[in-house]
Amino acid sequence: MSARAAAKDEIRVGDRRVPVTHLDKELFPDDGITKAELIDYYRTVARPMLTHLRERPLVMERYPDGYRGKSFYHKDVPGYFPEWIRTVRVPKEGGSLTMAVCDDTATLAYLANQACITPHPWLSTADRLDCPDRLVFDLDPPDDGADDEDGFAAVRWSARTVGDLLTELGLRPALMTTGSRGIHLVVLLDGRTDFDTARRFARRVADVLAERHADRLTTEARKNKRRGRLYLDTQRNAYAQTSVAPYAVRARPHAPVATPLHWDELDDPGLGPRRWTLRTLPERLDKYGDPWKGLGRCRRSLGTAQRRLDALV
């Protein structure tokens, strides 16, 4: 049953009754996209999306008044959340947080009803918080050229360059537009490496590429020192950092979606970071399937990759 056609105060999702409110509220008023449509979208993409949400603490990026209104990142689960939503206690400096874990479609629908436009999962799972099973390289256009064709051409070239080196090291990177400005490269790990080791490895990969292509790539965090070069951002690979979930909607005009890609799609000059939206992604998924299907088989240990990187350096 769609949210639009459901009873006023709840919808049935599987064996759950999910409370809903203000379904007609427009979260993307430019396109008339309501909360009901956001809920329906997340129910549609739940099968592939939950693969990347299950077992992980989640930060909710919420927009109660729509994407152009005030927003906040919600980490601690409030007391009014239903008891059936799974939570996990997460240590932090000076205490701990109780964070949501999205293990099923009902939870995903409930979060959408909370105007959580974008869920941001951790890079580690609830049972091994200190050991990431994902490594992320965040590539955005140089000089804020997100809407510039040359700017995104630089992102496409950089993604191929990073991907080639990771493959040379024995890893199996996956590719995703972020729905915002750039591209994420995601490497699945075996979860046996701590965050410091993983982040150090990602930074070493970035340093090698910045040295090889000093005219095009940089690891300089300060924008005024990049001089038009693309920044190889590896900062997400730290404890308690998050990464936008595959198939997540972004709080930008027309509700663009973070979209997993096949590697050959990187050669398409028409590719952009916001090419697919809440309204067009389901058709792509229905027609072509999930490019990341079976990605779990690509998990690798960093041990071999570190030794190969040592040899290169």
Protein backbone atom coordinates (compact mmCIF):
# COMPACT_ATOMS: atom_id res chain seq x y z
CA MET A 1 0.00 0.00 0.00
CA SER A 2 1.42 3.40 -0.89
CA ALA A 3 1.73 6.08 1.74
CA ARG A 4 -0.53 8.32 -0.35
CA ALA A 5 -3.38 5.80 -0.29
CA ALA A 6 -2.98 4.66 3.29
CA ALA A 7 -4.89 5.54 6.39
CA LYS A 8 -4.31 8.98 7.76
CA ASP A 9 -2.19 8.03 10.76
CA GLU A 10 -0.37 4.81 9.82
CA ILE A 11 0.71 2.61 6.94
CA ARG A 12 1.40 -1.09 6.88
CA VAL A 13 4.93 -2.06 5.92
CA GLY A 14 5.45 -5.81 6.07
CA ASP A 15 4.18 -6.88 9.46
CA ARG A 16 4.62 -3.42 10.99
CA ARG A 17 2.18 -0.56 11.33
CA VAL A 18 4.25 2.57 10.77
CA PRO A 19 2.85 5.83 12.16
CA VAL A 20 2.86 8.70 9.64
CA THR A 21 2.02 12.40 9.79
CA HIS A 22 1.57 15.30 7.37
CA LEU A 23 1.93 13.15 4.25
CA ASP A 24 0.99 16.08 2.00
CA LYS A 25 3.81 18.29 3.28
CA GLU A 26 6.01 19.27 0.33
CA LEU A 27 9.63 18.51 1.11
CA PHE A 28 10.74 19.54 -2.41
CA PRO A 29 8.23 22.29 -3.27
CA ASP A 30 9.87 23.11 -6.63
CA ASP A 31 8.68 19.71 -7.89
CA GLY A 32 5.74 19.13 -5.57
CA ILE A 33 7.48 16.15 -3.96
CA THR A 34 5.69 15.37 -0.72
CA LYS A 35 6.63 13.37 2.33
CA ALA A 36 4.34 10.60 1.03
CA GLU A 37 6.39 10.42 -2.17
CA LEU A 38 9.65 10.29 -0.20
CA ILE A 39 8.28 7.38 1.86
CA ASP A 40 7.12 5.56 -1.27
CA TYR A 41 10.53 6.06 -2.90
CA TYR A 42 12.41 4.58 0.04
CA ARG A 43 10.05 1.61 0.13
CA THR A 44 10.70 1.07 -3.59
CA VAL A 45 14.52 1.03 -3.25
CA ALA A 46 14.61 -0.70 0.14
CA ARG A 47 15.89 -4.06 -1.12
CA PRO A 48 19.24 -2.84 -2.53
CA MET A 49 19.54 0.07 -0.10
CA LEU A 50 19.18 -1.95 3.07
CA THR A 51 22.23 -3.98 2.05
CA HIS A 52 24.25 -0.87 2.91
CA LEU A 53 22.29 0.21 6.00
CA ARG A 54 21.77 -2.98 8.01
CA GLU A 55 23.75 -3.38 11.23
CA ARG A 56 25.14 0.18 11.09
CA PRO A 57 24.62 3.15 13.42
CA LEU A 58 22.85 5.86 11.46
CA VAL A 59 22.94 9.65 11.43
CA MET A 60 19.67 11.18 10.22
CA GLU A 61 19.83 14.33 8.11
CA ARG A 62 16.40 15.83 8.80
CA TYR A 63 14.48 18.65 7.10
CA PRO A 64 11.17 19.16 8.92
CA ASP A 65 10.26 22.15 6.72
CA GLY A 66 11.55 20.77 3.42
CA TYR A 67 14.98 20.82 1.84
CA ARG A 68 15.14 24.62 1.71
CA GLY A 69 14.30 24.96 5.41
CA LYS A 70 16.35 24.51 8.54
CA SER A 71 17.97 21.12 8.94
CA PHE A 72 19.89 19.18 11.53
CA TYR A 73 21.92 16.00 11.87
CA HIS A 74 20.17 13.78 14.39
CA LYS A 75 22.34 11.17 16.10
CA ASP A 76 20.71 10.33 19.43
CA VAL A 77 17.40 8.45 19.10
CA PRO A 78 14.56 10.42 20.74
CA GLY A 79 12.25 8.78 23.25
CA TYR A 80 9.22 8.84 20.96
CA PHE A 81 10.71 6.41 18.41
CA PRO A 82 8.83 3.06 18.36
CA GLU A 83 10.35 0.27 20.43
CA TRP A 84 10.64 -1.96 17.36
CA ILE A 85 13.29 0.29 15.82
CA ARG A 86 16.66 -1.24 16.61
CA THR A 87 19.18 0.91 18.46
CA VAL A 88 22.81 0.59 19.51
CA ARG A 89 24.81 2.32 22.24
CA VAL A 90 27.82 4.03 20.73
CA PRO A 91 30.73 5.26 22.89
CA LYS A 92 31.82 8.86 22.47
CA GLU A 93 34.11 11.18 24.37
CA GLY A 94 32.59 11.75 27.79
CA GLY A 95 29.71 9.32 27.40
CA SER A 96 27.69 7.53 24.75
CA LEU A 97 24.86 7.88 22.25
CA THR A 98 21.88 5.70 21.46
CA MET A 99 21.74 5.57 17.66
CA ALA A 100 19.21 4.11 15.25
CA VAL A 101 20.02 1.08 13.10
CA CYS A 102 17.99 0.65 9.91
CA ASP A 103 17.57 -3.09 9.40
CA ASP A 104 14.24 -3.22 7.57
CA THR A 105 11.85 -1.40 5.25
CA ALA A 106 9.54 -0.36 8.08
CA THR A 107 12.37 1.52 9.79
CA LEU A 108 13.35 3.16 6.51
CA ALA A 109 9.74 4.32 6.01
CA TYR A 110 9.55 5.59 9.59
CA LEU A 111 12.74 7.64 9.17
CA ALA A 112 11.38 9.14 5.94
CA ASN A 113 8.25 10.16 7.85
CA GLN A 114 10.58 11.96 10.28
CA ALA A 115 11.70 14.04 7.25
CA CYS A 116 15.02 12.23 7.25
CA ILE A 117 15.78 13.01 3.63
CA THR A 118 19.28 11.53 3.76
CA PRO A 119 20.48 8.67 5.98
CA HIS A 120 24.22 8.55 6.68
CA PRO A 121 25.48 5.15 7.92
CA TRP A 122 28.73 4.50 9.74
CA LEU A 123 31.60 2.76 7.97
CA SER A 124 31.55 0.03 10.62
CA THR A 125 28.87 -2.25 11.99
CA ALA A 126 27.29 -2.28 15.43
CA ASP A 127 29.12 -5.42 16.53
CA ARG A 128 32.57 -4.09 15.50
CA LEU A 129 32.39 -0.33 15.88
CA ASP A 130 36.17 0.14 15.90
CA CYS A 131 36.81 -1.80 12.69
CA PRO A 132 35.52 -0.35 9.41
CA ASP A 133 34.37 -2.69 6.68
CA ARG A 134 34.31 0.15 4.15
CA LEU A 135 36.88 2.59 2.85
CA VAL A 136 35.71 5.76 1.10
CA PHE A 137 37.45 8.15 -1.30
CA ASP A 138 35.40 11.34 -1.75
CA LEU A 139 36.04 13.15 -5.04
CA ASP A 140 34.48 16.57 -5.64
CA PRO A 141 35.18 18.96 -8.54
CA PRO A 142 38.11 21.34 -8.10
CA ASP A 143 37.31 25.01 -7.45
CA ASP A 144 33.67 24.22 -6.63
CA GLY A 145 32.93 23.42 -10.29
CA ALA A 146 30.08 21.00 -9.59
CA ASP A 147 27.95 22.36 -12.39
CA ASP A 148 30.81 22.89 -14.78
CA GLU A 149 31.36 20.20 -17.45
CA ASP A 150 35.14 20.47 -17.17
CA GLY A 151 34.90 20.26 -13.38
CA PHE A 152 33.06 16.97 -13.46
CA ALA A 153 35.29 15.66 -16.23
CA ALA A 154 38.10 16.06 -13.69
CA VAL A 155 36.07 14.00 -11.20
CA ARG A 156 35.50 11.26 -13.77
CA TRP A 157 39.20 11.14 -14.65
CA SER A 158 40.18 11.12 -10.97
CA ALA A 159 37.75 8.32 -10.16
CA ARG A 160 39.24 6.19 -12.93
CA THR A 161 42.77 6.99 -11.73
CA VAL A 162 42.04 6.14 -8.09
CA GLY A 163 40.13 3.03 -9.14
CA ASP A 164 43.00 1.78 -11.29
CA LEU A 165 45.49 2.07 -8.44
CA LEU A 166 43.17 0.38 -5.94
CA THR A 167 42.63 -2.45 -8.41
CA GLU A 168 46.40 -2.73 -8.91
CA LEU A 169 46.71 -3.15 -5.14
CA GLY A 170 44.28 -6.09 -5.26
CA LEU A 171 41.14 -4.29 -4.06
CA ARG A 172 37.73 -4.14 -5.76
CA PRO A 173 36.47 -0.54 -5.61
CA ALA A 174 32.87 0.38 -6.40
CA LEU A 175 31.64 3.65 -7.86
CA MET A 176 28.74 5.95 -6.92
CA THR A 177 27.59 9.45 -7.77
CA THR A 178 26.82 11.25 -4.52
CA GLY A 179 23.73 13.11 -5.68
CA SER A 180 25.49 16.28 -4.51
CA ARG A 181 28.76 17.40 -6.13
CA GLY A 182 30.95 14.43 -6.89
CA ILE A 183 31.69 10.71 -6.77
CA HIS A 184 32.50 8.25 -4.00
CA LEU A 185 34.77 5.26 -4.48
CA VAL A 186 33.91 2.59 -1.92
CA VAL A 187 36.12 -0.38 -1.05
CA LEU A 188 34.64 -3.23 1.01
CA LEU A 189 36.99 -4.55 3.70
CA ASP A 190 36.90 -7.68 5.83
CA GLY A 191 36.35 -5.70 9.05
CA ARG A 192 39.59 -6.80 10.69
CA THR A 193 41.41 -3.47 10.41
CA ASP A 194 41.03 -0.60 12.87
CA PHE A 195 40.12 2.91 11.75
CA ASP A 196 43.61 4.36 12.21
CA THR A 197 45.12 1.70 9.95
CA ALA A 198 42.41 2.09 7.31
CA ARG A 199 42.65 5.87 7.26
CA ARG A 200 46.44 5.75 7.08
CA PHE A 201 46.25 3.38 4.11
CA ALA A 202 43.72 5.61 2.29
CA ARG A 203 45.92 8.65 2.86
CA ARG A 204 48.98 6.82 1.52
CA VAL A 205 47.06 5.89 -1.64
CA ALA A 206 46.08 9.54 -2.03
CA ASP A 207 49.67 10.67 -1.47
CA VAL A 208 50.98 8.31 -4.17
CA LEU A 209 48.46 9.61 -6.69
CA ALA A 210 49.06 13.24 -5.76
CA GLU A 211 52.77 12.73 -6.36
CA ARG A 212 52.20 10.94 -9.67
CA HIS A 213 49.78 13.61 -10.92
CA ALA A 214 50.93 16.71 -9.08
CA ASP A 215 49.39 18.98 -11.71
CA ARG A 216 45.89 17.51 -11.34
CA LEU A 217 45.55 15.98 -7.86
CA THR A 218 46.32 17.11 -4.33
CA THR A 219 45.94 16.06 -0.70
CA GLU A 220 46.04 19.70 0.44
CA ALA A 221 43.04 20.25 2.73
CA ARG A 222 43.18 24.05 2.47
CA LYS A 223 41.26 25.24 -0.57
CA ASN A 224 43.49 28.26 -1.15
CA LYS A 225 46.47 25.95 -1.70
CA ARG A 226 44.90 23.51 -4.16
CA ARG A 227 45.42 25.75 -7.20
CA GLY A 228 42.71 24.17 -9.34
CA ARG A 229 43.70 20.59 -8.50
CA LEU A 230 41.17 18.00 -7.34
CA TYR A 231 41.35 17.20 -3.63
CA LEU A 232 41.62 13.49 -2.80
CA ASP A 233 39.49 13.49 0.35
CA THR A 234 40.07 10.51 2.67
CA GLN A 235 38.88 12.22 5.87
CA ARG A 236 35.72 10.10 6.17
CA ASN A 237 37.78 7.08 7.13
CA ALA A 238 37.79 7.77 10.86
CA TYR A 239 35.82 6.53 13.84
CA ALA A 240 32.24 7.90 14.00
CA GLN A 241 32.44 9.41 10.50
CA THR A 242 29.66 8.59 8.06
CA SER A 243 29.11 8.36 4.33
CA VAL A 244 25.94 9.00 2.35
CA ALA A 245 24.03 5.76 1.77
CA PRO A 246 23.65 4.37 -1.75
CA TYR A 247 20.21 5.30 -3.14
CA ALA A 248 19.80 8.08 -0.56
CA VAL A 249 17.95 11.23 -1.61
CA ARG A 250 19.89 14.49 -1.24
CA ALA A 251 18.54 17.82 -0.05
CA ARG A 252 19.02 19.62 -3.35
CA PRO A 253 16.69 20.85 -6.08
CA HIS A 254 14.71 18.05 -7.80
CA ALA A 255 15.64 15.47 -5.11
CA PRO A 256 18.78 13.93 -6.69
CA VAL A 257 19.85 10.48 -5.56
CA ALA A 258 23.22 8.93 -4.67
CA THR A 259 23.46 6.34 -7.45
CA PRO A 260 25.71 3.25 -7.71
CA LEU A 261 27.31 2.90 -11.15
CA HIS A 262 28.88 0.32 -13.39
CA TRP A 263 32.47 1.26 -14.16
CA ASP A 264 31.81 1.67 -17.89
CA GLU A 265 29.29 4.42 -17.08
CA LEU A 266 32.24 6.55 -16.01
CA ASP A 267 33.09 6.97 -19.71
CA ASP A 268 29.78 8.71 -20.40
CA PRO A 269 30.52 12.44 -20.87
CA GLY A 270 26.92 13.16 -19.90
CA LEU A 271 27.39 11.68 -16.44
CA GLY A 272 26.88 14.16 -13.63
CA PRO A 273 26.60 13.93 -9.84
CA ARG A 274 22.85 14.63 -9.85
CA ARG A 275 21.84 12.77 -12.99
CA TRP A 276 19.21 10.57 -11.29
CA THR A 277 16.46 11.75 -8.98
CA LEU A 278 13.82 10.36 -6.67
CA ARG A 279 11.48 10.20 -9.66
CA THR A 280 13.86 8.70 -12.23
CA LEU A 281 15.97 6.29 -10.16
CA PRO A 282 13.27 3.59 -9.72
CA GLU A 283 12.97 3.26 -13.51
CA ARG A 284 16.76 2.88 -13.83
CA LEU A 285 16.75 0.25 -11.10
CA ASP A 286 13.85 -1.61 -12.67
CA LYS A 287 15.43 -1.56 -16.14
CA TYR A 288 19.08 -2.24 -15.35
CA GLY A 289 19.13 -3.68 -11.85
CA ASP A 290 21.50 -2.80 -9.02
CA PRO A 291 25.09 -2.20 -10.25
CA TRP A 292 26.34 -3.15 -6.78
CA LYS A 293 24.52 -6.48 -6.61
CA GLY A 294 26.94 -9.07 -5.27
CA LEU A 295 29.35 -6.41 -4.00
CA GLY A 296 29.71 -8.34 -0.74
CA ARG A 297 31.86 -10.86 -2.60
CA CYS A 298 34.41 -8.08 -3.20
CA ARG A 299 35.48 -7.77 0.45
CA ARG A 300 39.24 -7.78 0.86
CA SER A 301 41.84 -7.63 3.59
CA LEU A 302 44.12 -4.60 3.60
CA GLY A 303 47.16 -6.76 4.31
CA THR A 304 48.01 -7.65 0.71
CA ALA A 305 47.13 -4.15 -0.50
CA GLN A 306 49.45 -2.59 2.08
CA ARG A 307 52.34 -4.80 1.01
CA ARG A 308 51.79 -3.96 -2.64
CA LEU A 309 51.61 -0.28 -1.80
CA ASP A 310 54.87 -0.54 0.15
CA ALA A 311 56.48 -2.03 -2.96
CA LEU A 312 55.20 0.84 -5.12
CA VAL A 313 56.42 3.50 -2.69
